[in-house]
N, C-alpha and C. Protein backbone atom coordinates (compact mmCIF):
# COMPACT_ATOMS: atom_id res chain seq x y z
N MET A 1 0.75 -1.34 -0.52
CA MET A 1 0.14 0.08 -0.01
C MET A 1 0.71 1.56 -0.08
N SER A 2 0.40 2.36 -0.59
CA SER A 2 1.22 3.02 -0.88
C SER A 2 1.32 4.14 0.16
N ASN A 3 2.35 5.24 0.59
CA ASN A 3 2.37 5.82 2.15
C ASN A 3 2.19 7.14 1.34
N ARG A 4 1.45 6.97 0.53
CA ARG A 4 0.77 8.78 -0.22
C ARG A 4 -0.35 8.37 -1.26
N PHE A 5 -1.48 9.05 -0.73
CA PHE A 5 -2.69 9.26 -1.11
C PHE A 5 -2.76 10.37 -1.77
N HIS A 6 -3.20 10.91 -2.71
CA HIS A 6 -3.47 12.30 -3.64
C HIS A 6 -4.78 12.46 -4.02
N ASP A 7 -4.45 13.96 -3.75
CA ASP A 7 -5.99 14.65 -3.97
C ASP A 7 -5.59 15.75 -4.03
N VAL A 8 -6.97 16.13 -5.35
CA VAL A 8 -6.65 17.34 -6.39
C VAL A 8 -7.73 18.73 -5.53
N PRO A 9 -7.07 19.43 -4.87
CA PRO A 9 -7.98 20.70 -3.90
C PRO A 9 -8.68 21.43 -5.28
N GLY A 10 -10.29 21.40 -5.21
CA GLY A 10 -11.18 22.29 -6.04
C GLY A 10 -11.95 21.38 -6.79
N GLN A 11 -11.93 19.79 -7.10
CA GLN A 11 -12.27 19.09 -7.80
C GLN A 11 -13.35 18.14 -7.55
N ARG A 12 -13.53 18.62 -5.95
CA ARG A 12 -14.66 17.51 -5.37
C ARG A 12 -15.92 18.34 -5.90
N SER A 13 -17.09 17.46 -6.02
CA SER A 13 -18.60 17.75 -5.91
C SER A 13 -19.15 18.27 -4.84
N ASN A 14 -18.40 17.83 -3.80
CA ASN A 14 -19.22 18.28 -2.26
C ASN A 14 -18.29 19.01 -1.78
N ARG A 15 -18.98 20.10 -0.55
CA ARG A 15 -17.70 20.35 0.18
C ARG A 15 -17.92 19.08 1.48
N TYR A 16 -16.84 19.59 1.99
CA TYR A 16 -16.93 18.36 3.48
C TYR A 16 -16.30 19.09 4.60
N LEU A 17 -17.06 19.02 6.14
CA LEU A 17 -16.49 19.40 7.07
C LEU A 17 -16.35 18.52 7.95
N LEU A 18 -14.71 18.39 8.53
CA LEU A 18 -13.85 17.18 9.01
C LEU A 18 -14.53 17.60 10.79
N MET A 19 -15.28 17.01 11.40
CA MET A 19 -15.44 17.53 12.80
C MET A 19 -14.85 15.65 13.87
N ARG A 20 -13.86 16.83 14.60
CA ARG A 20 -13.40 15.50 15.70
C ARG A 20 -14.52 15.93 16.94
N HIS A 21 -15.18 14.46 17.49
CA HIS A 21 -15.81 14.81 18.19
C HIS A 21 -15.23 15.44 19.62
N GLY A 22 -16.57 16.31 20.39
CA GLY A 22 -16.79 16.82 21.82
C GLY A 22 -16.02 16.00 22.68
N HIS A 23 -15.29 17.00 23.75
CA HIS A 23 -14.32 16.15 24.74
C HIS A 23 -15.44 14.86 25.25
N SER A 24 -14.25 14.13 25.32
CA SER A 24 -15.38 12.50 26.00
C SER A 24 -15.03 11.87 27.49
N GLN A 25 -15.26 11.12 27.80
CA GLN A 25 -15.41 10.47 29.33
C GLN A 25 -14.08 9.88 28.85
N ALA A 26 -13.62 8.80 27.89
CA ALA A 26 -12.71 8.68 27.76
C ALA A 26 -11.42 9.60 27.98
N ASN A 27 -11.54 10.88 27.15
CA ASN A 27 -10.26 11.91 27.32
C ASN A 27 -10.46 12.62 28.76
N GLU A 28 -11.62 12.36 29.58
CA GLU A 28 -11.50 12.71 30.91
C GLU A 28 -10.79 12.05 31.83
N ALA A 29 -10.92 10.03 31.61
CA ALA A 29 -10.41 9.49 32.32
C ALA A 29 -8.76 8.77 31.75
N HIS A 30 -8.63 9.90 30.51
CA HIS A 30 -7.00 9.47 29.99
C HIS A 30 -7.10 7.91 29.55
N LEU A 31 -8.35 7.16 28.88
CA LEU A 31 -7.84 5.98 28.69
C LEU A 31 -7.78 6.08 27.06
N ILE A 32 -7.55 5.10 26.69
CA ILE A 32 -7.68 4.43 24.69
C ILE A 32 -8.61 4.00 25.04
N ILE A 33 -9.72 4.52 24.07
CA ILE A 33 -10.86 3.39 23.88
C ILE A 33 -11.03 3.23 22.51
N SER A 34 -10.62 2.12 21.84
CA SER A 34 -10.58 1.95 20.42
C SER A 34 -11.40 1.36 19.83
N THR A 35 -11.71 0.57 20.32
CA THR A 35 -12.49 -0.92 19.89
C THR A 35 -13.69 -0.73 19.82
N PRO A 36 -14.41 -0.98 19.28
CA PRO A 36 -16.18 -0.91 19.08
C PRO A 36 -16.70 -2.01 20.52
N ALA A 37 -16.20 -2.98 20.61
CA ALA A 37 -16.61 -3.33 22.15
C ALA A 37 -16.63 -2.56 23.40
N ARG A 38 -15.99 -1.97 22.71
CA ARG A 38 -15.80 -0.83 24.28
C ARG A 38 -16.41 0.42 23.73
N GLY A 39 -16.29 1.05 22.77
CA GLY A 39 -16.56 2.73 21.86
C GLY A 39 -17.80 2.26 21.69
N LEU A 40 -18.85 1.71 21.37
CA LEU A 40 -19.85 1.70 20.87
C LEU A 40 -20.91 1.98 21.80
N GLY A 41 -20.65 1.41 22.94
CA GLY A 41 -22.13 1.57 23.97
C GLY A 41 -21.28 2.32 25.36
N GLU A 42 -19.74 2.51 25.35
CA GLU A 42 -19.39 3.21 26.06
C GLU A 42 -18.71 4.52 26.08
N PHE A 43 -18.29 5.01 27.20
CA PHE A 43 -17.62 6.26 27.04
C PHE A 43 -17.80 7.76 26.02
N GLY A 44 -19.26 7.89 26.14
CA GLY A 44 -20.03 9.06 25.51
C GLY A 44 -19.08 10.35 25.84
N LEU A 45 -19.78 11.57 25.43
CA LEU A 45 -19.35 12.81 25.56
C LEU A 45 -19.28 13.00 26.82
N SER A 46 -18.13 13.53 27.31
CA SER A 46 -18.12 14.42 28.89
C SER A 46 -18.98 15.59 29.13
N LYS A 47 -19.04 16.18 30.22
CA LYS A 47 -20.06 17.57 30.61
C LYS A 47 -19.25 18.63 29.80
N GLN A 48 -17.70 18.38 30.09
CA GLN A 48 -17.30 19.51 29.18
C GLN A 48 -17.32 19.24 27.78
N GLY A 49 -17.54 18.09 27.34
CA GLY A 49 -17.64 17.91 25.84
C GLY A 49 -18.74 18.52 25.53
N GLU A 50 -20.09 18.15 26.34
CA GLU A 50 -21.19 18.91 25.88
C GLU A 50 -21.37 20.46 26.14
N ALA A 51 -20.36 21.10 26.83
CA ALA A 51 -20.42 22.10 27.27
C ALA A 51 -19.76 22.73 25.27
N GLN A 52 -18.65 22.05 25.31
CA GLN A 52 -17.98 23.02 23.78
C GLN A 52 -19.14 22.86 22.82
N LEU A 53 -19.66 21.56 22.50
CA LEU A 53 -20.89 21.74 21.70
C LEU A 53 -21.69 22.77 21.85
N ASP A 54 -22.53 22.89 22.37
CA ASP A 54 -23.24 23.91 22.99
C ASP A 54 -23.13 25.06 22.51
N ALA A 55 -21.18 25.28 23.12
CA ALA A 55 -20.64 26.87 22.60
C ALA A 55 -20.87 26.94 21.02
N LEU A 56 -20.84 26.05 20.52
CA LEU A 56 -20.05 25.75 18.69
C LEU A 56 -21.16 25.73 18.23
N LEU A 57 -22.45 25.63 18.30
CA LEU A 57 -23.32 25.31 17.84
C LEU A 57 -24.28 26.90 17.99
N ALA A 58 -23.89 27.49 18.85
CA ALA A 58 -24.85 29.12 19.27
C ALA A 58 -23.91 29.74 18.40
N ASP A 59 -22.23 29.37 17.89
CA ASP A 59 -22.05 30.28 17.16
C ASP A 59 -21.37 30.02 16.13
N TRP A 60 -22.26 29.10 15.58
CA TRP A 60 -21.63 28.32 14.04
C TRP A 60 -21.26 29.02 13.02
N ARG A 61 -19.91 28.71 12.24
CA ARG A 61 -18.92 29.88 11.81
C ARG A 61 -18.82 29.16 10.16
N TRP A 62 -19.12 27.68 10.36
CA TRP A 62 -18.98 27.10 8.87
C TRP A 62 -20.24 26.86 7.77
N PRO A 63 -20.24 26.60 6.95
CA PRO A 63 -21.73 26.21 5.89
C PRO A 63 -22.48 25.40 6.79
N VAL A 64 -23.57 25.56 6.49
CA VAL A 64 -25.07 25.14 7.08
C VAL A 64 -24.61 23.41 6.24
N PRO A 65 -24.75 22.49 7.26
CA PRO A 65 -24.44 20.84 6.59
C PRO A 65 -25.44 20.72 6.24
N THR A 66 -25.89 19.93 5.10
CA THR A 66 -26.90 19.20 4.40
C THR A 66 -27.24 17.63 4.68
N ARG A 67 -25.87 17.05 4.72
CA ARG A 67 -25.97 15.67 5.77
C ARG A 67 -24.61 15.64 6.58
N ILE A 68 -24.84 14.47 7.48
CA ILE A 68 -24.18 14.30 9.11
C ILE A 68 -23.79 12.91 8.68
N LEU A 69 -22.47 12.54 8.44
CA LEU A 69 -21.93 11.51 8.65
C LEU A 69 -20.91 11.08 10.06
N HIS A 70 -21.08 10.07 10.87
CA HIS A 70 -20.47 10.25 11.50
C HIS A 70 -19.97 8.26 12.13
N SER A 71 -18.77 8.33 13.17
CA SER A 71 -18.14 7.11 13.34
C SER A 71 -19.80 6.65 14.70
N ASP A 72 -19.77 5.12 14.48
CA ASP A 72 -20.62 4.90 15.32
C ASP A 72 -20.12 4.52 16.90
N PHE A 73 -19.33 5.10 17.13
CA PHE A 73 -18.92 5.12 18.65
C PHE A 73 -19.83 6.04 18.95
N LEU A 74 -19.71 5.82 20.36
CA LEU A 74 -20.53 6.63 21.61
C LEU A 74 -20.34 7.98 21.25
N ARG A 75 -19.32 8.37 21.57
CA ARG A 75 -18.70 9.62 21.62
C ARG A 75 -18.89 10.59 20.67
N THR A 76 -19.42 9.75 19.31
CA THR A 76 -19.60 10.97 17.72
C THR A 76 -20.96 10.38 17.49
N THR A 77 -21.34 9.75 17.85
CA THR A 77 -22.85 9.42 17.84
C THR A 77 -23.66 10.74 18.72
N GLU A 78 -22.82 10.74 19.77
CA GLU A 78 -23.99 11.98 20.85
C GLU A 78 -23.41 13.74 20.21
N THR A 79 -22.05 13.04 19.72
CA THR A 79 -21.71 14.96 18.85
C THR A 79 -22.59 14.92 17.59
N ALA A 80 -22.48 14.03 16.70
CA ALA A 80 -23.35 14.30 15.50
C ALA A 80 -25.19 14.34 15.75
N GLU A 81 -25.41 14.11 17.08
CA GLU A 81 -26.60 13.89 17.52
C GLU A 81 -27.08 15.49 17.49
N ARG A 82 -26.08 16.06 18.79
CA ARG A 82 -26.40 17.38 18.47
C ARG A 82 -26.35 18.29 17.49
N VAL A 83 -25.34 18.03 16.82
CA VAL A 83 -25.51 19.09 15.58
C VAL A 83 -26.82 18.52 14.79
N ALA A 84 -26.90 17.46 14.51
CA ALA A 84 -28.53 17.10 13.80
C ALA A 84 -29.43 17.80 14.41
N ILE A 85 -29.49 17.53 15.66
CA ILE A 85 -30.85 18.21 16.12
C ILE A 85 -30.95 19.99 16.10
N HIS A 86 -29.61 20.36 16.16
CA HIS A 86 -29.80 21.62 15.87
C HIS A 86 -29.98 22.53 14.03
N PHE A 87 -29.73 21.43 13.34
CA PHE A 87 -29.99 22.15 12.45
C PHE A 87 -31.07 21.26 11.76
N GLY A 88 -32.31 20.24 11.77
CA GLY A 88 -32.64 20.18 11.73
C GLY A 88 -32.89 18.63 10.67
N LEU A 89 -31.81 17.94 10.92
CA LEU A 89 -30.73 17.15 9.75
C LEU A 89 -31.58 15.50 10.86
N GLU A 90 -31.35 14.50 9.67
CA GLU A 90 -30.60 13.12 10.03
C GLU A 90 -29.38 13.00 10.20
N ARG A 91 -29.25 11.89 10.87
CA ARG A 91 -27.44 11.77 10.67
C ARG A 91 -27.43 10.44 10.66
N GLN A 92 -26.50 9.69 9.93
CA GLN A 92 -26.15 8.29 9.68
C GLN A 92 -24.95 7.70 10.08
N PRO A 93 -24.79 6.81 10.89
CA PRO A 93 -24.02 5.85 11.04
C PRO A 93 -22.95 5.66 9.93
N GLU A 94 -21.67 5.90 10.11
CA GLU A 94 -20.35 5.24 8.97
C GLU A 94 -19.62 4.52 9.78
N PRO A 95 -19.36 3.55 9.66
CA PRO A 95 -18.39 2.47 10.51
C PRO A 95 -16.91 2.84 9.91
N ARG A 96 -16.47 3.42 8.41
CA ARG A 96 -15.49 3.28 8.34
C ARG A 96 -15.17 5.16 8.89
N LEU A 97 -15.81 5.87 9.71
CA LEU A 97 -15.33 6.84 10.26
C LEU A 97 -14.82 6.53 11.90
N ARG A 98 -14.99 5.69 12.38
CA ARG A 98 -14.63 4.53 13.42
C ARG A 98 -13.32 5.21 13.94
N GLU A 99 -13.11 5.00 15.42
CA GLU A 99 -11.43 5.35 15.90
C GLU A 99 -10.39 4.48 15.22
N ARG A 100 -9.16 4.87 15.31
CA ARG A 100 -8.47 3.66 14.44
C ARG A 100 -8.52 2.65 16.26
N ASN A 101 -7.97 1.56 15.54
CA ASN A 101 -7.82 0.34 16.47
C ASN A 101 -6.88 -0.14 17.28
N PHE A 102 -6.42 0.44 18.34
CA PHE A 102 -5.18 0.57 19.15
C PHE A 102 -4.60 -1.13 19.89
N GLY A 103 -5.60 -2.07 19.16
CA GLY A 103 -5.10 -3.24 19.89
C GLY A 103 -5.04 -3.33 20.96
N THR A 104 -3.58 -4.09 21.46
CA THR A 104 -3.54 -4.61 22.80
C THR A 104 -3.69 -3.07 23.42
N LEU A 105 -3.12 -2.08 23.10
CA LEU A 105 -3.47 -1.17 24.40
C LEU A 105 -4.47 -0.41 24.30
N GLU A 106 -5.74 -0.96 23.84
CA GLU A 106 -7.13 -1.03 24.47
C GLU A 106 -7.53 -0.64 26.14
N GLY A 107 -7.96 0.15 26.23
CA GLY A 107 -8.04 0.38 27.81
C GLY A 107 -6.85 0.95 28.94
N LEU A 108 -5.93 1.05 27.94
CA LEU A 108 -4.79 1.54 28.88
C LEU A 108 -4.36 3.24 29.18
N PRO A 109 -4.01 3.48 29.61
CA PRO A 109 -3.72 5.19 29.44
C PRO A 109 -3.27 5.79 28.53
N ASP A 110 -3.77 6.71 28.06
CA ASP A 110 -3.42 7.42 26.63
C ASP A 110 -1.74 7.98 26.50
N SER A 111 -1.44 7.73 27.80
CA SER A 111 -0.13 7.94 27.17
C SER A 111 1.09 6.74 26.48
N HIS A 112 0.14 5.71 26.43
CA HIS A 112 0.81 4.77 25.46
C HIS A 112 0.55 5.33 24.17
N TYR A 113 -0.07 6.31 23.53
CA TYR A 113 -0.50 6.83 22.43
C TYR A 113 1.51 7.25 21.54
N PRO A 114 2.11 7.81 22.32
CA PRO A 114 3.54 7.80 21.44
C PRO A 114 4.20 6.97 21.29
N VAL A 115 4.20 5.70 21.52
CA VAL A 115 5.12 4.64 21.49
C VAL A 115 4.39 4.51 20.19
N VAL A 116 2.77 4.43 19.75
CA VAL A 116 2.29 3.97 18.53
C VAL A 116 2.59 5.51 17.51
N TRP A 117 2.75 6.22 17.97
CA TRP A 117 3.32 7.16 16.83
C TRP A 117 4.68 7.12 16.65
N ALA A 118 5.53 6.83 17.37
CA ALA A 118 6.95 6.73 17.11
C ALA A 118 7.07 5.50 15.98
N HIS A 119 6.26 4.34 15.77
CA HIS A 119 6.29 3.20 15.08
C HIS A 119 5.64 3.62 13.88
N ASP A 120 4.39 4.97 13.99
CA ASP A 120 3.89 5.10 12.82
C ASP A 120 5.10 6.38 12.00
N ALA A 121 5.61 6.90 12.56
CA ALA A 121 6.60 7.86 11.81
C ALA A 121 7.69 6.68 11.11
N ARG A 122 7.86 5.77 11.31
CA ARG A 122 9.91 4.82 10.48
C ARG A 122 8.79 4.29 9.65
N ASP A 123 6.90 3.60 10.04
CA ASP A 123 6.85 2.88 8.89
C ASP A 123 4.75 2.54 9.19
N PRO A 124 4.36 3.56 8.02
CA PRO A 124 2.91 4.00 8.11
C PRO A 124 2.11 2.51 7.90
N GLU A 125 2.66 1.44 7.74
CA GLU A 125 1.86 -0.25 7.75
C GLU A 125 2.16 -0.91 8.55
N HIS A 126 2.90 -0.29 9.77
CA HIS A 126 2.84 -1.30 11.03
C HIS A 126 2.00 -1.76 11.83
N GLY A 127 2.18 -2.57 12.24
CA GLY A 127 0.91 -3.16 12.97
C GLY A 127 1.61 -4.03 14.94
N GLU A 128 2.43 -2.91 14.79
CA GLU A 128 3.08 -3.30 16.54
C GLU A 128 1.57 -3.25 17.74
N HIS A 129 1.98 -4.12 18.41
CA HIS A 129 0.79 -4.11 19.45
C HIS A 129 -0.84 -4.37 18.59
N GLU A 130 -0.50 -5.04 17.24
CA GLU A 130 -1.87 -5.30 17.49
C GLU A 130 -3.04 -3.79 16.65
N VAL A 131 -2.25 -2.78 16.22
CA VAL A 131 -2.47 -2.02 16.28
C VAL A 131 -3.07 -1.13 14.40
N GLU A 132 -4.47 -1.00 14.51
CA GLU A 132 -4.53 -0.81 12.89
C GLU A 132 -3.09 0.64 12.14
N SER A 133 -2.71 -0.15 11.13
CA SER A 133 -2.05 0.47 10.49
C SER A 133 -2.84 2.16 10.12
N VAL A 134 -1.89 2.95 10.08
CA VAL A 134 -2.32 4.29 9.56
C VAL A 134 -2.32 4.13 7.68
N ALA A 135 -1.61 3.02 6.95
CA ALA A 135 -2.23 3.33 5.84
C ALA A 135 -3.73 2.58 5.65
N SER A 136 -3.92 1.49 6.79
CA SER A 136 -5.02 0.93 6.40
C SER A 136 -6.34 2.00 7.06
N VAL A 137 -6.02 2.74 7.74
CA VAL A 137 -6.92 3.93 8.39
C VAL A 137 -6.97 5.29 7.31
N ALA A 138 -6.28 5.60 6.74
CA ALA A 138 -6.36 6.63 5.85
C ALA A 138 -7.14 6.12 4.44
N ALA A 139 -6.46 4.96 3.53
CA ALA A 139 -7.52 3.59 3.45
C ALA A 139 -9.38 3.52 2.83
N ARG A 140 -9.79 3.48 4.38
CA ARG A 140 -11.05 3.67 4.70
C ARG A 140 -11.57 5.11 4.87
N MET A 141 -10.92 5.68 5.41
CA MET A 141 -11.13 7.31 5.42
C MET A 141 -11.49 7.56 4.19
N GLN A 142 -10.31 7.53 3.38
CA GLN A 142 -10.49 8.23 2.15
C GLN A 142 -11.54 7.42 1.34
N ASP A 143 -12.19 6.69 1.71
CA ASP A 143 -12.65 5.75 0.58
C ASP A 143 -14.27 6.11 0.89
N VAL A 144 -14.25 7.19 2.56
CA VAL A 144 -16.15 7.53 2.43
C VAL A 144 -15.82 8.54 1.77
N ILE A 145 -14.87 9.71 1.32
CA ILE A 145 -15.29 10.51 0.67
C ILE A 145 -15.20 10.24 -0.62
N ALA A 146 -14.60 9.17 -1.20
CA ALA A 146 -14.86 8.28 -2.81
C ALA A 146 -16.26 8.16 -3.03
N THR A 147 -16.62 7.89 -1.66
CA THR A 147 -18.00 6.95 -1.74
C THR A 147 -18.99 8.16 -1.80
N LEU A 148 -18.83 8.94 -1.33
CA LEU A 148 -20.06 10.65 -1.41
C LEU A 148 -19.63 10.94 -2.42
N GLU A 149 -18.41 11.35 -3.25
CA GLU A 149 -18.05 11.91 -4.39
C GLU A 149 -18.87 11.16 -6.09
N ARG A 150 -19.22 9.54 -5.43
CA ARG A 150 -19.67 9.01 -6.53
C ARG A 150 -21.59 9.23 -6.40
N THR A 151 -21.61 9.39 -5.05
CA THR A 151 -23.09 9.68 -4.78
C THR A 151 -23.78 10.87 -4.47
N LEU A 152 -23.36 11.58 -4.55
CA LEU A 152 -24.17 12.99 -3.97
C LEU A 152 -23.21 13.97 -4.77
N ARG A 153 -24.07 14.99 -5.04
CA ARG A 153 -23.76 16.04 -5.96
C ARG A 153 -24.24 17.30 -4.94
N GLN A 154 -23.17 18.58 -4.93
CA GLN A 154 -23.22 19.89 -4.09
C GLN A 154 -23.81 20.25 -3.16
N GLU A 155 -23.26 19.06 -1.97
CA GLU A 155 -23.86 19.27 -0.92
C GLU A 155 -22.80 19.58 0.31
N THR A 156 -23.03 19.82 1.53
CA THR A 156 -22.12 20.35 2.29
C THR A 156 -22.45 19.24 3.72
N VAL A 157 -20.95 18.41 3.23
CA VAL A 157 -21.25 17.01 4.21
C VAL A 157 -20.53 17.19 5.83
N LEU A 158 -20.99 16.89 6.51
CA LEU A 158 -20.26 17.12 7.91
C LEU A 158 -20.14 15.59 8.59
N LEU A 159 -19.01 15.18 8.75
CA LEU A 159 -17.96 13.88 8.89
C LEU A 159 -17.62 14.29 10.19
N VAL A 160 -17.98 13.08 11.10
CA VAL A 160 -18.11 13.34 12.53
C VAL A 160 -16.82 12.05 13.02
N SER A 161 -15.64 12.15 13.30
CA SER A 161 -14.71 11.18 13.42
C SER A 161 -14.14 11.77 14.52
N HIS A 162 -12.96 11.09 14.45
CA HIS A 162 -12.14 11.30 16.03
C HIS A 162 -10.58 11.22 15.38
N GLY A 163 -9.68 11.65 16.13
CA GLY A 163 -8.42 12.74 16.33
C GLY A 163 -7.74 12.12 15.11
N ASP A 164 -6.93 10.73 15.79
CA ASP A 164 -6.18 9.97 14.97
C ASP A 164 -6.25 9.96 13.23
N PRO A 165 -7.44 9.31 13.32
CA PRO A 165 -8.39 9.26 12.03
C PRO A 165 -8.26 10.59 11.26
N LEU A 166 -8.57 11.43 11.68
CA LEU A 166 -8.99 12.68 11.06
C LEU A 166 -7.71 13.31 10.51
N GLN A 167 -6.66 13.08 11.50
CA GLN A 167 -5.31 13.73 11.15
C GLN A 167 -4.91 12.94 10.10
N ILE A 168 -5.02 11.35 9.92
CA ILE A 168 -4.63 10.61 9.01
C ILE A 168 -5.06 11.10 7.40
N MET A 169 -6.13 11.20 7.89
CA MET A 169 -6.99 11.67 6.15
C MET A 169 -6.73 12.88 6.05
N LEU A 170 -6.60 13.95 6.48
CA LEU A 170 -6.18 15.58 6.21
C LEU A 170 -4.44 14.91 5.70
N THR A 171 -3.86 14.27 6.30
CA THR A 171 -2.63 14.09 5.38
C THR A 171 -2.59 13.50 4.27
N ALA A 172 -3.54 12.63 4.50
CA ALA A 172 -3.53 11.70 3.04
C ALA A 172 -3.75 12.53 1.61
N LEU A 173 -4.92 13.16 2.41
CA LEU A 173 -5.66 14.51 1.56
C LEU A 173 -4.42 15.16 0.45
N LYS A 174 -3.54 15.92 1.90
CA LYS A 174 -2.36 16.79 1.21
C LYS A 174 -1.59 16.21 0.05
N GLY A 175 -1.39 14.90 0.31
CA GLY A 175 -0.51 14.24 -0.91
C GLY A 175 0.84 14.36 -0.07
N ARG A 176 1.21 14.20 1.74
CA ARG A 176 1.93 13.72 2.06
C ARG A 176 2.28 12.85 2.89
N PRO A 177 3.16 12.46 3.17
CA PRO A 177 4.06 11.14 3.49
C PRO A 177 2.68 10.58 4.58
N LEU A 178 2.48 9.60 4.96
CA LEU A 178 1.25 9.15 5.70
C LEU A 178 2.03 8.96 7.11
N SER A 179 3.68 8.61 6.93
CA SER A 179 4.50 8.98 8.30
C SER A 179 4.46 9.66 8.95
N GLU A 180 3.91 11.31 8.42
CA GLU A 180 3.79 12.23 8.69
C GLU A 180 2.36 13.30 9.49
N HIS A 181 1.74 12.00 9.69
CA HIS A 181 0.95 12.44 10.24
C HIS A 181 0.33 13.02 11.79
N ARG A 182 1.09 12.69 12.22
CA ARG A 182 1.47 13.67 13.96
C ARG A 182 1.97 15.19 13.52
N ALA A 183 3.05 15.22 12.45
CA ALA A 183 2.99 16.63 12.22
C ALA A 183 1.90 17.54 11.68
N GLN A 184 0.77 16.91 11.55
CA GLN A 184 -0.33 17.54 11.26
C GLN A 184 -0.54 18.17 12.61
N VAL A 185 -1.07 19.56 12.55
CA VAL A 185 -1.40 20.46 13.74
C VAL A 185 -2.29 19.35 14.22
N ALA A 186 -2.66 19.18 15.73
CA ALA A 186 -3.66 18.52 16.42
C ALA A 186 -4.90 19.15 16.35
N LEU A 187 -5.90 18.32 15.78
CA LEU A 187 -7.72 18.77 15.94
C LEU A 187 -8.13 18.18 17.79
N LEU A 188 -8.63 19.86 18.23
CA LEU A 188 -9.29 19.65 19.23
C LEU A 188 -10.14 19.17 19.40
N PRO A 189 -10.82 18.63 20.37
CA PRO A 189 -12.15 18.18 20.34
C PRO A 189 -13.03 19.44 20.20
N ALA A 190 -14.22 18.83 19.55
CA ALA A 190 -14.84 19.50 19.04
C ALA A 190 -14.56 20.66 18.06
N SER A 191 -13.48 20.32 17.21
CA SER A 191 -13.39 21.40 16.11
C SER A 191 -13.39 20.55 15.31
N ILE A 192 -13.74 21.98 13.90
CA ILE A 192 -14.26 21.28 12.71
C ILE A 192 -13.20 21.98 11.71
N THR A 193 -12.85 21.43 10.77
CA THR A 193 -12.03 21.62 9.74
C THR A 193 -12.84 21.34 8.42
N MET A 194 -13.00 22.31 7.45
CA MET A 194 -13.34 22.73 6.18
C MET A 194 -12.48 22.26 5.35
N LEU A 195 -12.41 20.90 4.60
CA LEU A 195 -11.22 21.00 3.29
C LEU A 195 -11.58 21.83 2.26
N GLY A 196 -10.05 22.32 1.87
CA GLY A 196 -10.37 23.11 0.80
C GLY A 196 -10.11 22.64 -0.69
C-alpha cells in the first residue's frame, strides 16, 4: 500500500466539514478507547464536551451541513446527534469513520499513544501492538469521501470522527507521507476543519 494518497483540491463535487467529537469520558479518564466492543456503548461525551458543543452550535461559523455522517462510537454519535438536532437533519452512522483500533493498548492510559506514533513515523504500515496501520486508516477514511463523491452532488457533508483518523485523512488528502500524520496540527475536541 502506498505511503501517500493524492487529492486534487477544488475538484470535489461536495464540500466537506471534518469534525472531531467533543471532549469525551475517555479523554477525561485519559484512556485509550478504540474498539467497537467498548466504544460503541461506553465513553460518550463528558460534561465538558457537551458544553463545547453548546458553544460551537451557538456560534456556528461554517457552512450549514446538508448531511451528517459519523463514526458509530458513542462519543461521535452523541456529537453528531447534537448537530443534527440543531440543524433539523438526520444523521447516518458510517463505520469507516471509526476510531483507529489501538489493538492490545485498548483500555490502557493514553500515555501509550506516543509509542504507537513513534512506530508510525518509521512505518505507516506497521501493526505493532496489533494496532490498525496508518495506511489502513487512510484507505478507509479516503474511501468515505470517494463514495460520497460518486453518490452526491453539491452537498455540504459533515463527517464526525476521531482525532487520529482525521489527522491521518488530512495528511493523505494533502499528498503528504502518511508517516508524517503527527506533524499535522492536532485537532482539538469539537473542532471543525473545512476541506479546501
